[in-house]
Amino acid sequence: MYPVSPSAYDRAITVFSPDGRLFQVEYAKEAVNRGATSMALIGKDGVVLIAHKTKSSRLLVPESLKKIFIIDDHVAIVASGLIADARRLIDIARIEAQRYRYTYNEPADVEYITRNVADTMQLYTHYGGARPFGVSLIFAGVDSDSRVFETEPSGSYTGMKAAVIGSGKNEVLEFLEKEYEDNLAMDDLIELGFKALKKIPDMKLKSEIFDVGLISKHTKKFEFLPPEKINSITSKL
């Protein structure tokens, strides 16, 4: 039997390589690995989301770069990879959240929303004439407890206490594996997140290139951290 180049198996999403790999899914994961670093962490009082906004030009308006998206009062998403792909999935998440509220007259569980979006992502790994979504999402929210789920382009999702996606994932995860504790207060959790980001080579902690979101266990409402508060934390570090 003649050897076959791997390129023979990466031309269609529906073709497995002999060793069981879907190259198009792996390429989609590589798009995520090139994206800006984002994370979500669970603390004793709720969930914190931190997103780095890559500013490639001084002419860009930082406020126009969005990485954290509100899905419902109690759920938000942070994305890394192809943000245009993320917007489509965010629309699906918002529709599912509102459909659940309309049907049952109560907010949807975070995992319910995550699973519906992950099912759509999985569908595009075996659908002819399409490609996988080149984005990973972290769903963070509060239902009966604080929840964080990380989804991959393959459609798999995993519950996490602290989830990281993007180009600096390895450095940040290595730090969090050693330093993370799940009983931290909100302010300590935010500070821990920025300390982890400092481990990424060439990372500059400038407040205008970060978005920080909070979801409190008590209010179950999402809110953005004011820029001046972010600046006070980054300045201290």
Protein backbone atom coordinates (compact mmCIF):
# COMPACT_ATOMS: atom_id res chain seq x y z
CA MET A 1 0.00 0.00 0.00
CA TYR A 2 1.36 3.38 -0.99
CA PRO A 3 1.77 5.98 1.80
CA VAL A 4 -0.81 8.75 1.72
CA SER A 5 -0.05 12.35 2.63
CA PRO A 6 -2.08 13.83 5.54
CA SER A 7 -3.24 16.54 3.12
CA ALA A 8 -5.41 13.90 1.44
CA TYR A 9 -7.58 13.82 4.56
CA ASP A 10 -7.89 17.53 5.34
CA ARG A 11 -9.88 18.61 2.30
CA ALA A 12 -13.27 17.70 3.73
CA ILE A 13 -14.59 17.84 7.27
CA THR A 14 -16.31 14.44 6.89
CA VAL A 15 -13.14 12.43 6.20
CA PHE A 16 -11.19 10.80 9.03
CA SER A 17 -7.47 10.20 8.69
CA PRO A 18 -6.30 6.60 9.26
CA ASP A 19 -5.31 7.44 12.85
CA GLY A 20 -8.78 8.82 13.64
CA ARG A 21 -8.12 12.54 13.33
CA LEU A 22 -10.32 15.24 11.81
CA PHE A 23 -7.79 17.72 10.52
CA GLN A 24 -10.34 20.50 9.92
CA VAL A 25 -11.33 20.40 13.60
CA GLU A 26 -7.67 20.60 14.59
CA TYR A 27 -7.19 23.58 12.28
CA ALA A 28 -10.18 25.26 13.97
CA LYS A 29 -8.51 24.70 17.35
CA GLU A 30 -5.39 26.36 15.98
CA ALA A 31 -7.49 29.44 15.17
CA VAL A 32 -8.50 29.51 18.84
CA ASN A 33 -4.86 29.20 19.93
CA ARG A 34 -4.06 32.32 17.94
CA GLY A 35 -6.83 34.33 19.61
CA ALA A 36 -6.56 36.68 22.55
CA THR A 37 -6.50 35.15 26.03
CA SER A 38 -9.77 35.00 27.94
CA MET A 39 -10.80 33.32 31.17
CA ALA A 40 -13.54 32.76 33.71
CA LEU A 41 -13.07 31.88 37.37
CA ILE A 42 -15.46 30.78 40.11
CA GLY A 43 -15.17 32.30 43.58
CA LYS A 44 -17.19 32.11 46.76
CA ASP A 45 -19.39 35.07 45.75
CA GLY A 46 -19.89 34.34 42.04
CA VAL A 47 -18.07 34.30 38.72
CA VAL A 48 -15.48 36.60 37.14
CA LEU A 49 -14.79 36.87 33.38
CA ILE A 50 -11.63 38.53 32.04
CA ALA A 51 -10.97 39.11 28.34
CA HIS A 52 -7.88 40.54 26.69
CA LYS A 53 -8.67 42.68 23.65
CA THR A 54 -5.83 42.57 21.10
CA LYS A 55 -5.25 46.13 19.95
CA SER A 56 -3.34 45.87 16.66
CA SER A 57 -3.36 49.59 15.88
CA ARG A 58 -3.43 52.80 17.90
CA LEU A 59 -6.21 53.95 15.55
CA LEU A 60 -8.59 51.32 16.89
CA VAL A 61 -11.27 52.32 19.36
CA PRO A 62 -10.82 49.86 22.28
CA GLU A 63 -14.53 49.98 23.18
CA SER A 64 -15.41 48.55 19.74
CA LEU A 65 -13.50 45.33 20.50
CA LYS A 66 -15.98 43.11 22.30
CA LYS A 67 -15.01 39.75 23.81
CA ILE A 68 -17.58 39.40 26.62
CA PHE A 69 -21.21 39.01 25.54
CA ILE A 70 -24.32 38.99 27.74
CA ILE A 71 -26.63 36.04 27.04
CA ASP A 72 -29.19 36.56 29.82
CA ASP A 73 -29.22 38.41 33.13
CA HIS A 74 -27.37 35.53 34.81
CA VAL A 75 -25.19 34.20 31.94
CA ALA A 76 -22.38 35.64 29.85
CA ILE A 77 -19.92 34.29 27.27
CA VAL A 78 -16.28 35.12 26.66
CA ALA A 79 -14.83 34.10 23.29
CA SER A 80 -11.45 33.51 21.66
CA GLY A 81 -10.71 32.76 18.02
CA LEU A 82 -12.82 33.98 15.11
CA ILE A 83 -15.19 36.44 16.79
CA ALA A 84 -17.36 36.54 13.66
CA ASP A 85 -18.03 32.83 14.23
CA ALA A 86 -18.70 33.53 17.90
CA ARG A 87 -21.45 36.03 17.06
CA ARG A 88 -23.47 33.32 15.32
CA LEU A 89 -23.22 31.03 18.33
CA ILE A 90 -24.04 33.90 20.68
CA ASP A 91 -27.28 34.52 18.76
CA ILE A 92 -28.18 30.84 19.21
CA ALA A 93 -27.41 31.03 22.95
CA ARG A 94 -29.58 34.13 23.39
CA ILE A 95 -32.50 32.58 21.51
CA GLU A 96 -32.31 29.40 23.60
CA ALA A 97 -32.17 31.42 26.83
CA GLN A 98 -35.25 33.44 25.88
CA ARG A 99 -37.12 30.39 24.58
CA TYR A 100 -36.55 28.66 27.92
CA ARG A 101 -37.81 31.71 29.84
CA TYR A 102 -40.90 31.95 27.64
CA THR A 103 -41.70 28.24 27.99
CA TYR A 104 -40.98 27.69 31.69
CA ASN A 105 -41.18 31.24 33.11
CA GLU A 106 -37.76 30.89 34.76
CA PRO A 107 -34.13 31.44 33.74
CA ALA A 108 -32.37 28.61 31.92
CA ASP A 109 -29.61 26.61 33.57
CA VAL A 110 -26.14 27.56 32.38
CA GLU A 111 -25.44 24.00 31.25
CA TYR A 112 -28.68 23.89 29.24
CA ILE A 113 -27.58 26.90 27.19
CA THR A 114 -24.05 25.53 26.86
CA ARG A 115 -25.27 22.14 25.65
CA ASN A 116 -27.48 23.66 22.95
CA VAL A 117 -24.62 25.74 21.55
CA ALA A 118 -22.19 22.81 21.79
CA ASP A 119 -24.66 20.64 19.84
CA THR A 120 -24.61 23.20 17.02
CA MET A 121 -20.80 23.28 17.05
CA GLN A 122 -20.69 19.47 16.90
CA LEU A 123 -23.10 19.39 13.95
CA TYR A 124 -20.63 21.43 11.88
CA THR A 125 -17.92 18.79 12.39
CA HIS A 126 -19.74 16.30 10.14
CA TYR A 127 -21.85 18.50 7.90
CA GLY A 128 -20.80 18.46 4.24
CA GLY A 129 -20.10 21.78 2.54
CA ALA A 130 -19.42 23.61 5.82
CA ARG A 131 -16.53 24.07 8.22
CA PRO A 132 -16.22 23.91 12.01
CA PHE A 133 -16.60 27.08 14.04
CA GLY A 134 -13.11 28.51 14.61
CA VAL A 135 -13.85 29.68 18.12
CA SER A 136 -13.92 28.45 21.70
CA LEU A 137 -16.40 29.86 24.20
CA ILE A 138 -16.50 30.00 27.98
CA PHE A 139 -20.01 30.11 29.42
CA ALA A 140 -20.14 31.60 32.91
CA GLY A 141 -23.19 32.17 35.04
CA VAL A 142 -25.14 31.56 38.21
CA ASP A 143 -28.21 29.32 38.51
CA SER A 144 -28.46 27.14 41.63
CA ASP A 145 -24.69 27.65 41.95
CA SER A 146 -21.84 29.34 40.08
CA ARG A 147 -21.05 27.59 36.78
CA VAL A 148 -18.28 27.75 34.18
CA PHE A 149 -18.22 25.61 31.01
CA GLU A 150 -15.63 25.62 28.24
CA THR A 151 -16.60 24.58 24.69
CA GLU A 152 -14.26 23.56 21.86
CA PRO A 153 -14.70 23.65 18.06
CA SER A 154 -15.33 19.88 18.18
CA GLY A 155 -18.55 20.51 20.13
CA SER A 156 -17.32 19.05 23.41
CA TYR A 157 -17.85 21.01 26.61
CA THR A 158 -16.42 20.67 30.08
CA GLY A 159 -17.35 22.05 33.47
CA MET A 160 -14.48 23.96 35.06
CA LYS A 161 -13.66 25.91 38.22
CA ALA A 162 -11.33 28.11 36.17
CA ALA A 163 -11.28 28.00 32.36
CA VAL A 164 -8.83 29.67 29.96
CA ILE A 165 -8.85 29.94 26.16
CA GLY A 166 -6.63 31.69 23.65
CA SER A 167 -2.95 32.14 22.89
CA GLY A 168 -1.75 32.35 26.50
CA LYS A 169 -3.71 29.34 27.76
CA ASN A 170 -0.75 27.19 28.78
CA GLU A 171 1.04 29.90 30.81
CA VAL A 172 -2.15 31.04 32.54
CA LEU A 173 -3.32 27.51 33.35
CA GLU A 174 0.07 26.59 34.77
CA PHE A 175 -0.16 29.54 37.16
CA LEU A 176 -3.80 28.89 38.12
CA GLU A 177 -3.12 25.20 38.80
CA LYS A 178 -0.83 26.32 41.61
CA GLU A 179 -2.55 29.47 42.89
CA TYR A 180 -6.30 29.10 42.33
CA GLU A 181 -8.63 28.60 45.29
CA ASP A 182 -12.40 28.39 44.98
CA ASN A 183 -13.13 30.37 48.17
CA LEU A 184 -11.73 33.69 46.95
CA ALA A 185 -13.73 36.91 47.09
CA MET A 186 -14.47 38.79 43.87
CA ASP A 187 -11.66 41.35 44.21
CA ASP A 188 -9.11 38.65 45.02
CA LEU A 189 -10.35 36.57 42.08
CA ILE A 190 -9.89 39.48 39.66
CA GLU A 191 -6.42 40.16 41.01
CA LEU A 192 -5.52 36.48 40.64
CA GLY A 193 -6.68 36.55 37.01
CA PHE A 194 -4.46 39.52 36.18
CA LYS A 195 -1.52 37.96 37.98
CA ALA A 196 -1.99 34.90 35.78
CA LEU A 197 -2.08 37.08 32.66
CA LYS A 198 1.27 38.57 33.66
CA LYS A 199 2.81 35.16 33.05
CA ILE A 200 2.20 35.54 29.30
CA PRO A 201 5.34 36.86 27.55
CA ASP A 202 5.01 40.49 26.38
CA MET A 203 1.63 40.89 28.07
CA LYS A 204 1.00 44.51 29.11
CA LEU A 205 -1.60 45.11 31.79
CA LYS A 206 -3.28 48.21 30.40
CA SER A 207 -6.83 48.72 31.58
CA GLU A 208 -8.14 49.86 28.18
CA ILE A 209 -7.36 46.49 26.56
CA PHE A 210 -9.28 44.38 29.08
CA ASP A 211 -12.93 43.71 29.73
CA VAL A 212 -13.94 42.34 33.13
CA GLY A 213 -17.42 41.04 33.91
CA LEU A 214 -18.95 39.89 37.20
CA ILE A 215 -21.97 37.74 38.04
CA SER A 216 -22.82 37.76 41.73
CA LYS A 217 -24.32 34.73 43.48
CA HIS A 218 -26.61 37.04 45.40
CA THR A 219 -28.06 39.20 42.61
CA LYS A 220 -27.61 36.72 39.71
CA LYS A 221 -27.07 39.76 37.50
CA PHE A 222 -24.20 40.37 35.08
CA GLU A 223 -22.31 43.66 35.21
CA PHE A 224 -19.14 45.04 33.67
CA LEU A 225 -16.41 46.23 36.02
CA PRO A 226 -15.90 50.00 35.56
CA PRO A 227 -12.68 50.99 33.70
CA GLU A 228 -11.39 52.96 36.68
CA LYS A 229 -11.65 49.86 38.88
CA ILE A 230 -9.74 47.79 36.29
CA ASN A 231 -7.11 50.52 36.14
CA SER A 232 -6.66 50.49 39.91
CA ILE A 233 -6.01 46.74 39.86
CA THR A 234 -3.66 46.73 36.86
CA SER A 235 -1.74 49.72 38.23
CA LYS A 236 -1.16 47.92 41.51
CA LEU A 237 0.22 44.89 39.71
